[in-house]
Amino acid sequence: MELQDFIYELHKYAEQTHVLKDKFEKLSDTEKQLVMNAAPDSLKTPNEYFHPVYEWLENTTEQLNTHQDIK
């Protein structure tokens, strides 16, 4: 049950990274710079989070499906 809850939250997180990426892309270059200047130094742009999060979700789902097939 905890794993299902985690995957549900990961799916929501992936959807939110997609929305944030889309909103960030619509900003002007000046607005993007303003937003990124306000971000902590270690924080990447929304574009850089989008793909790894979706890859994580896909890999987790694939592994779960493989694990269930073995049982």
PDB file of N, CA and C in Angstrom:
ATOM      1  N   MET A   1       0.811  -1.189   0.000  1.00  0.00           N
ATOM      2  CA  MET A   1       0.000   0.000   0.000  1.00  0.00           C
ATOM      3  C   MET A   1       0.862   1.264   0.000  1.00  0.00           C
ATOM      4  N   GLU A   2       1.951   1.241   0.760  1.00  0.00           N
ATOM      5  CA  GLU A   2       2.834   2.411   0.808  1.00  0.00           C
ATOM      6  C   GLU A   2       3.453   2.672  -0.565  1.00  0.00           C
ATOM      7  N   LEU A   3       3.797   1.609  -1.274  1.00  0.00           N
ATOM      8  CA  LEU A   3       4.384   1.775  -2.604  1.00  0.00           C
ATOM      9  C   LEU A   3       3.376   2.401  -3.562  1.00  0.00           C
ATOM     10  N   GLN A   4       2.141   1.978  -3.484  1.00  0.00           N
ATOM     11  CA  GLN A   4       1.098   2.568  -4.332  1.00  0.00           C
ATOM     12  C   GLN A   4       0.910   4.047  -4.013  1.00  0.00           C
ATOM     13  N   ASP A   5       0.947   4.389  -2.745  1.00  0.00           N
ATOM     14  CA  ASP A   5       0.846   5.792  -2.330  1.00  0.00           C
ATOM     15  C   ASP A   5       2.021   6.595  -2.878  1.00  0.00           C
ATOM     16  N   PHE A   6       3.220   6.002  -2.806  1.00  0.00           N
ATOM     17  CA  PHE A   6       4.403   6.688  -3.319  1.00  0.00           C
ATOM     18  C   PHE A   6       4.272   6.925  -4.822  1.00  0.00           C
ATOM     19  N   ILE A   7       3.880   5.915  -5.566  1.00  0.00           N
ATOM     20  CA  ILE A   7       3.740   6.045  -7.017  1.00  0.00           C
ATOM     21  C   ILE A   7       2.668   7.064  -7.358  1.00  0.00           C
ATOM     22  N   TYR A   8       1.596   7.093  -6.607  1.00  0.00           N
ATOM     23  CA  TYR A   8       0.549   8.094  -6.820  1.00  0.00           C
ATOM     24  C   TYR A   8       1.122   9.499  -6.645  1.00  0.00           C
ATOM     25  N   GLU A   9       1.874   9.712  -5.587  1.00  0.00           N
ATOM     26  CA  GLU A   9       2.466  11.029  -5.325  1.00  0.00           C
ATOM     27  C   GLU A   9       3.534  11.364  -6.367  1.00  0.00           C
ATOM     28  N   LEU A  10       4.303  10.377  -6.792  1.00  0.00           N
ATOM     29  CA  LEU A  10       5.306  10.595  -7.825  1.00  0.00           C
ATOM     30  C   LEU A  10       4.631  10.998  -9.136  1.00  0.00           C
ATOM     31  N   HIS A  11       3.507  10.371  -9.433  1.00  0.00           N
ATOM     32  CA  HIS A  11       2.751  10.726 -10.637  1.00  0.00           C
ATOM     33  C   HIS A  11       2.269  12.181 -10.545  1.00  0.00           C
ATOM     34  N   LYS A  12       1.748  12.583  -9.401  1.00  0.00           N
ATOM     35  CA  LYS A  12       1.312  13.972  -9.212  1.00  0.00           C
ATOM     36  C   LYS A  12       2.496  14.929  -9.344  1.00  0.00           C
ATOM     37  N   TYR A  13       3.632  14.541  -8.789  1.00  0.00           N
ATOM     38  CA  TYR A  13       4.840  15.362  -8.864  1.00  0.00           C
ATOM     39  C   TYR A  13       5.285  15.511 -10.323  1.00  0.00           C
ATOM     40  N   ALA A  14       5.228  14.419 -11.076  1.00  0.00           N
ATOM     41  CA  ALA A  14       5.590  14.465 -12.494  1.00  0.00           C
ATOM     42  C   ALA A  14       4.654  15.396 -13.254  1.00  0.00           C
ATOM     43  N   GLU A  15       3.371  15.306 -12.972  1.00  0.00           N
ATOM     44  CA  GLU A  15       2.418  16.200 -13.629  1.00  0.00           C
ATOM     45  C   GLU A  15       2.713  17.655 -13.286  1.00  0.00           C
ATOM     46  N   GLN A  16       3.044  17.923 -12.035  1.00  0.00           N
ATOM     47  CA  GLN A  16       3.331  19.296 -11.620  1.00  0.00           C
ATOM     48  C   GLN A  16       4.615  19.818 -12.263  1.00  0.00           C
ATOM     49  N   THR A  17       5.631  18.953 -12.410  1.00  0.00           N
ATOM     50  CA  THR A  17       6.852  19.401 -13.079  1.00  0.00           C
ATOM     51  C   THR A  17       6.561  19.753 -14.535  1.00  0.00           C
ATOM     52  N   HIS A  18       5.636  19.031 -15.144  1.00  0.00           N
ATOM     53  CA  HIS A  18       5.260  19.321 -16.529  1.00  0.00           C
ATOM     54  C   HIS A  18       4.567  20.686 -16.611  1.00  0.00           C
ATOM     55  N   VAL A  19       3.640  20.939 -15.710  1.00  0.00           N
ATOM     56  CA  VAL A  19       2.929  22.223 -15.685  1.00  0.00           C
ATOM     57  C   VAL A  19       3.925  23.358 -15.432  1.00  0.00           C
ATOM     58  N   LEU A  20       4.799  23.171 -14.465  1.00  0.00           N
ATOM     59  CA  LEU A  20       5.775  24.203 -14.131  1.00  0.00           C
ATOM     60  C   LEU A  20       6.708  24.472 -15.312  1.00  0.00           C
ATOM     61  N   LYS A  21       7.138  23.424 -15.994  1.00  0.00           N
ATOM     62  CA  LYS A  21       7.986  23.574 -17.174  1.00  0.00           C
ATOM     63  C   LYS A  21       7.272  24.388 -18.246  1.00  0.00           C
ATOM     64  N   ASP A  22       6.008  24.043 -18.492  1.00  0.00           N
ATOM     65  CA  ASP A  22       5.234  24.776 -19.496  1.00  0.00           C
ATOM     66  C   ASP A  22       5.083  26.254 -19.133  1.00  0.00           C
ATOM     67  N   LYS A  23       4.796  26.530 -17.886  1.00  0.00           N
ATOM     68  CA  LYS A  23       4.645  27.917 -17.442  1.00  0.00           C
ATOM     69  C   LYS A  23       5.973  28.674 -17.542  1.00  0.00           C
ATOM     70  N   PHE A  24       7.060  28.002 -17.174  1.00  0.00           N
ATOM     71  CA  PHE A  24       8.379  28.617 -17.236  1.00  0.00           C
ATOM     72  C   PHE A  24       8.734  28.955 -18.685  1.00  0.00           C
ATOM     73  N   GLU A  25       8.432  28.057 -19.605  1.00  0.00           N
ATOM     74  CA  GLU A  25       8.748  28.276 -21.019  1.00  0.00           C
ATOM     75  C   GLU A  25       7.995  29.478 -21.593  1.00  0.00           C
ATOM     76  N   LYS A  26       6.846  29.819 -21.042  1.00  0.00           N
ATOM     77  CA  LYS A  26       6.049  30.936 -21.534  1.00  0.00           C
ATOM     78  C   LYS A  26       6.542  32.292 -21.013  1.00  0.00           C
ATOM     79  N   LEU A  27       7.442  32.269 -20.053  1.00  0.00           N
ATOM     80  CA  LEU A  27       7.992  33.515 -19.522  1.00  0.00           C
ATOM     81  C   LEU A  27       8.919  34.146 -20.546  1.00  0.00           C
ATOM     82  N   SER A  28       9.046  35.447 -20.475  1.00  0.00           N
ATOM     83  CA  SER A  28      10.040  36.136 -21.303  1.00  0.00           C
ATOM     84  C   SER A  28      11.426  35.787 -20.763  1.00  0.00           C
ATOM     85  N   ASP A  29      12.445  36.060 -21.545  1.00  0.00           N
ATOM     86  CA  ASP A  29      13.810  35.794 -21.083  1.00  0.00           C
ATOM     87  C   ASP A  29      14.127  36.576 -19.814  1.00  0.00           C
ATOM     88  N   THR A  30      13.637  37.790 -19.734  1.00  0.00           N
ATOM     89  CA  THR A  30      13.857  38.616 -18.542  1.00  0.00           C
ATOM     90  C   THR A  30      13.171  37.998 -17.325  1.00  0.00           C
ATOM     91  N   GLU A  31      11.940  37.526 -17.507  1.00  0.00           N
ATOM     92  CA  GLU A  31      11.210  36.894 -16.399  1.00  0.00           C
ATOM     93  C   GLU A  31      11.875  35.589 -15.977  1.00  0.00           C
ATOM     94  N   LYS A  32      12.348  34.813 -16.939  1.00  0.00           N
ATOM     95  CA  LYS A  32      13.063  33.570 -16.608  1.00  0.00           C
ATOM     96  C   LYS A  32      14.290  33.889 -15.767  1.00  0.00           C
ATOM     97  N   GLN A  33      15.018  34.902 -16.172  1.00  0.00           N
ATOM     98  CA  GLN A  33      16.224  35.292 -15.434  1.00  0.00           C
ATOM     99  C   GLN A  33      15.877  35.758 -14.026  1.00  0.00           C
ATOM    100  N   LEU A  34      14.813  36.524 -13.893  1.00  0.00           N
ATOM    101  CA  LEU A  34      14.361  36.992 -12.585  1.00  0.00           C
ATOM    102  C   LEU A  34      14.020  35.810 -11.674  1.00  0.00           C
ATOM    103  N   VAL A  35      13.271  34.867 -12.214  1.00  0.00           N
ATOM    104  CA  VAL A  35      12.870  33.687 -11.438  1.00  0.00           C
ATOM    105  C   VAL A  35      14.094  32.876 -11.018  1.00  0.00           C
ATOM    106  N   MET A  36      15.014  32.657 -11.947  1.00  0.00           N
ATOM    107  CA  MET A  36      16.178  31.842 -11.629  1.00  0.00           C
ATOM    108  C   MET A  36      17.159  32.573 -10.707  1.00  0.00           C
ATOM    109  N   ASN A  37      17.203  33.900 -10.791  1.00  0.00           N
ATOM    110  CA  ASN A  37      18.046  34.658  -9.865  1.00  0.00           C
ATOM    111  C   ASN A  37      17.519  34.554  -8.438  1.00  0.00           C
ATOM    112  N   ALA A  38      16.224  34.385  -8.287  1.00  0.00           N
ATOM    113  CA  ALA A  38      15.614  34.266  -6.959  1.00  0.00           C
ATOM    114  C   ALA A  38      15.723  32.847  -6.400  1.00  0.00           C
ATOM    115  N   ALA A  39      16.020  31.888  -7.259  1.00  0.00           N
ATOM    116  CA  ALA A  39      16.096  30.482  -6.832  1.00  0.00           C
ATOM    117  C   ALA A  39      17.404  30.209  -6.097  1.00  0.00           C
ATOM    118  N   PRO A  40      17.404  29.248  -5.177  1.00  0.00           N
ATOM    119  CA  PRO A  40      18.660  28.839  -4.542  1.00  0.00           C
ATOM    120  C   PRO A  40      19.660  28.369  -5.606  1.00  0.00           C
ATOM    121  N   ASP A  41      20.933  28.532  -5.345  1.00  0.00           N
ATOM    122  CA  ASP A  41      21.966  28.192  -6.323  1.00  0.00           C
ATOM    123  C   ASP A  41      21.891  26.748  -6.800  1.00  0.00           C
ATOM    124  N   SER A  42      21.495  25.857  -5.928  1.00  0.00           N
ATOM    125  CA  SER A  42      21.470  24.435  -6.280  1.00  0.00           C
ATOM    126  C   SER A  42      20.231  24.035  -7.081  1.00  0.00           C
ATOM    127  N   LEU A  43      19.284  24.943  -7.229  1.00  0.00           N
ATOM    128  CA  LEU A  43      18.036  24.616  -7.926  1.00  0.00           C
ATOM    129  C   LEU A  43      18.204  24.788  -9.420  1.00  0.00           C
ATOM    130  N   LYS A  44      17.763  23.772 -10.158  1.00  0.00           N
ATOM    131  CA  LYS A  44      17.830  23.800 -11.616  1.00  0.00           C
ATOM    132  C   LYS A  44      16.552  24.418 -12.174  1.00  0.00           C
ATOM    133  N   THR A  45      16.565  24.705 -13.468  1.00  0.00           N
ATOM    134  CA  THR A  45      15.362  25.233 -14.107  1.00  0.00           C
ATOM    135  C   THR A  45      14.308  24.141 -14.188  1.00  0.00           C
ATOM    136  N   PRO A  46      13.025  24.503 -14.291  1.00  0.00           N
ATOM    137  CA  PRO A  46      11.968  23.503 -14.430  1.00  0.00           C
ATOM    138  C   PRO A  46      12.187  22.569 -15.625  1.00  0.00           C
ATOM    139  N   ASN A  47      12.805  23.071 -16.683  1.00  0.00           N
ATOM    140  CA  ASN A  47      13.090  22.222 -17.842  1.00  0.00           C
ATOM    141  C   ASN A  47      14.019  21.070 -17.488  1.00  0.00           C
ATOM    142  N   GLU A  48      14.932  21.305 -16.565  1.00  0.00           N
ATOM    143  CA  GLU A  48      15.901  20.274 -16.181  1.00  0.00           C
ATOM    144  C   GLU A  48      15.312  19.239 -15.219  1.00  0.00           C
ATOM    145  N   TYR A  49      14.196  19.552 -14.578  1.00  0.00           N
ATOM    146  CA  TYR A  49      13.549  18.595 -13.674  1.00  0.00           C
ATOM    147  C   TYR A  49      12.560  17.696 -14.395  1.00  0.00           C
ATOM    148  N   PHE A  50      11.960  18.224 -15.428  1.00  0.00           N
ATOM    149  CA  PHE A  50      10.870  17.546 -16.113  1.00  0.00           C
ATOM    150  C   PHE A  50      11.232  16.132 -16.570  1.00  0.00           C
ATOM    151  N   HIS A  51      12.269  15.991 -17.370  1.00  0.00           N
ATOM    152  CA  HIS A  51      12.599  14.684 -17.941  1.00  0.00           C
ATOM    153  C   HIS A  51      13.048  13.654 -16.894  1.00  0.00           C
ATOM    154  N   PRO A  52      13.924  14.006 -15.968  1.00  0.00           N
ATOM    155  CA  PRO A  52      14.321  13.004 -14.965  1.00  0.00           C
ATOM    156  C   PRO A  52      13.157  12.508 -14.107  1.00  0.00           C
ATOM    157  N   VAL A  53      12.226  13.387 -13.776  1.00  0.00           N
ATOM    158  CA  VAL A  53      11.087  12.969 -12.953  1.00  0.00           C
ATOM    159  C   VAL A  53      10.202  11.992 -13.730  1.00  0.00           C
ATOM    160  N   TYR A  54       9.935  12.307 -14.992  1.00  0.00           N
ATOM    161  CA  TYR A  54       9.138  11.383 -15.803  1.00  0.00           C
ATOM    162  C   TYR A  54       9.864  10.069 -16.021  1.00  0.00           C
ATOM    163  N   GLU A  55      11.176  10.107 -16.199  1.00  0.00           N
ATOM    164  CA  GLU A  55      11.953   8.880 -16.348  1.00  0.00           C
ATOM    165  C   GLU A  55      11.874   8.042 -15.075  1.00  0.00           C
ATOM    166  N   TRP A  56      11.947   8.712 -13.925  1.00  0.00           N
ATOM    167  CA  TRP A  56      11.835   8.027 -12.641  1.00  0.00           C
ATOM    168  C   TRP A  56      10.474   7.336 -12.531  1.00  0.00           C
ATOM    169  N   LEU A  57       9.414   8.045 -12.885  1.00  0.00           N
ATOM    170  CA  LEU A  57       8.067   7.474 -12.827  1.00  0.00           C
ATOM    171  C   LEU A  57       7.951   6.276 -13.768  1.00  0.00           C
ATOM    172  N   GLU A  58       8.425   6.423 -14.994  1.00  0.00           N
ATOM    173  CA  GLU A  58       8.345   5.325 -15.958  1.00  0.00           C
ATOM    174  C   GLU A  58       9.142   4.119 -15.497  1.00  0.00           C
ATOM    175  N   ASN A  59      10.354   4.334 -15.005  1.00  0.00           N
ATOM    176  CA  ASN A  59      11.188   3.234 -14.528  1.00  0.00           C
ATOM    177  C   ASN A  59      10.564   2.530 -13.330  1.00  0.00           C
ATOM    178  N   THR A  60      10.020   3.307 -12.414  1.00  0.00           N
ATOM    179  CA  THR A  60       9.379   2.721 -11.233  1.00  0.00           C
ATOM    180  C   THR A  60       8.169   1.881 -11.638  1.00  0.00           C
ATOM    181  N   THR A  61       7.348   2.422 -12.527  1.00  0.00           N
ATOM    182  CA  THR A  61       6.166   1.702 -13.000  1.00  0.00           C
ATOM    183  C   THR A  61       6.576   0.416 -13.720  1.00  0.00           C
ATOM    184  N   GLU A  62       7.602   0.515 -14.560  1.00  0.00           N
ATOM    185  CA  GLU A  62       8.085  -0.656 -15.295  1.00  0.00           C
ATOM    186  C   GLU A  62       8.601  -1.731 -14.346  1.00  0.00           C
ATOM    187  N   GLN A  63       9.389  -1.328 -13.358  1.00  0.00           N
ATOM    188  CA  GLN A  63       9.919  -2.284 -12.386  1.00  0.00           C
ATOM    189  C   GLN A  63       8.803  -2.914 -11.570  1.00  0.00           C
ATOM    190  N   LEU A  64       7.816  -2.129 -11.212  1.00  0.00           N
ATOM    191  CA  LEU A  64       6.680  -2.661 -10.458  1.00  0.00           C
ATOM    192  C   LEU A  64       5.927  -3.688 -11.294  1.00  0.00           C
ATOM    193  N   ASN A  65       5.704  -3.376 -12.562  1.00  0.00           N
ATOM    194  CA  ASN A  65       5.007  -4.301 -13.443  1.00  0.00           C
ATOM    195  C   ASN A  65       5.811  -5.577 -13.637  1.00  0.00           C
ATOM    196  N   THR A  66       7.125  -5.465 -13.776  1.00  0.00           N
ATOM    197  CA  THR A  66       7.994  -6.642 -13.902  1.00  0.00           C
ATOM    198  C   THR A  66       7.952  -7.472 -12.640  1.00  0.00           C
ATOM    199  N   HIS A  67       7.996  -6.805 -11.510  1.00  0.00           N
ATOM    200  CA  HIS A  67       7.957  -7.491 -10.206  1.00  0.00           C
ATOM    201  C   HIS A  67       6.645  -8.252 -10.044  1.00  0.00           C
ATOM    202  N   GLN A  68       5.544  -7.651 -10.460  1.00  0.00           N
ATOM    203  CA  GLN A  68       4.227  -8.291 -10.342  1.00  0.00           C
ATOM    204  C   GLN A  68       4.112  -9.479 -11.294  1.00  0.00           C
ATOM    205  N   ASP A  69       4.758  -9.398 -12.459  1.00  0.00           N
ATOM    206  CA  ASP A  69       4.733 -10.496 -13.416  1.00  0.00           C
ATOM    207  C   ASP A  69       5.472 -11.719 -12.887  1.00  0.00           C
ATOM    208  N   ILE A  70       6.494 -11.492 -12.060  1.00  0.00           N
ATOM    209  CA  ILE A  70       7.303 -12.580 -11.508  1.00  0.00           C
ATOM    210  C   ILE A  70       6.509 -13.344 -10.458  1.00  0.00           C
ATOM    211  N   LYS A  71       5.672 -12.668  -9.722  1.00  0.00           N
ATOM    212  CA  LYS A  71       4.912 -13.301  -8.634  1.00  0.00           C
ATOM    213  C   LYS A  71       3.919 -14.289  -9.146  1.00  0.00           C
TER     214      LYS A  71
END
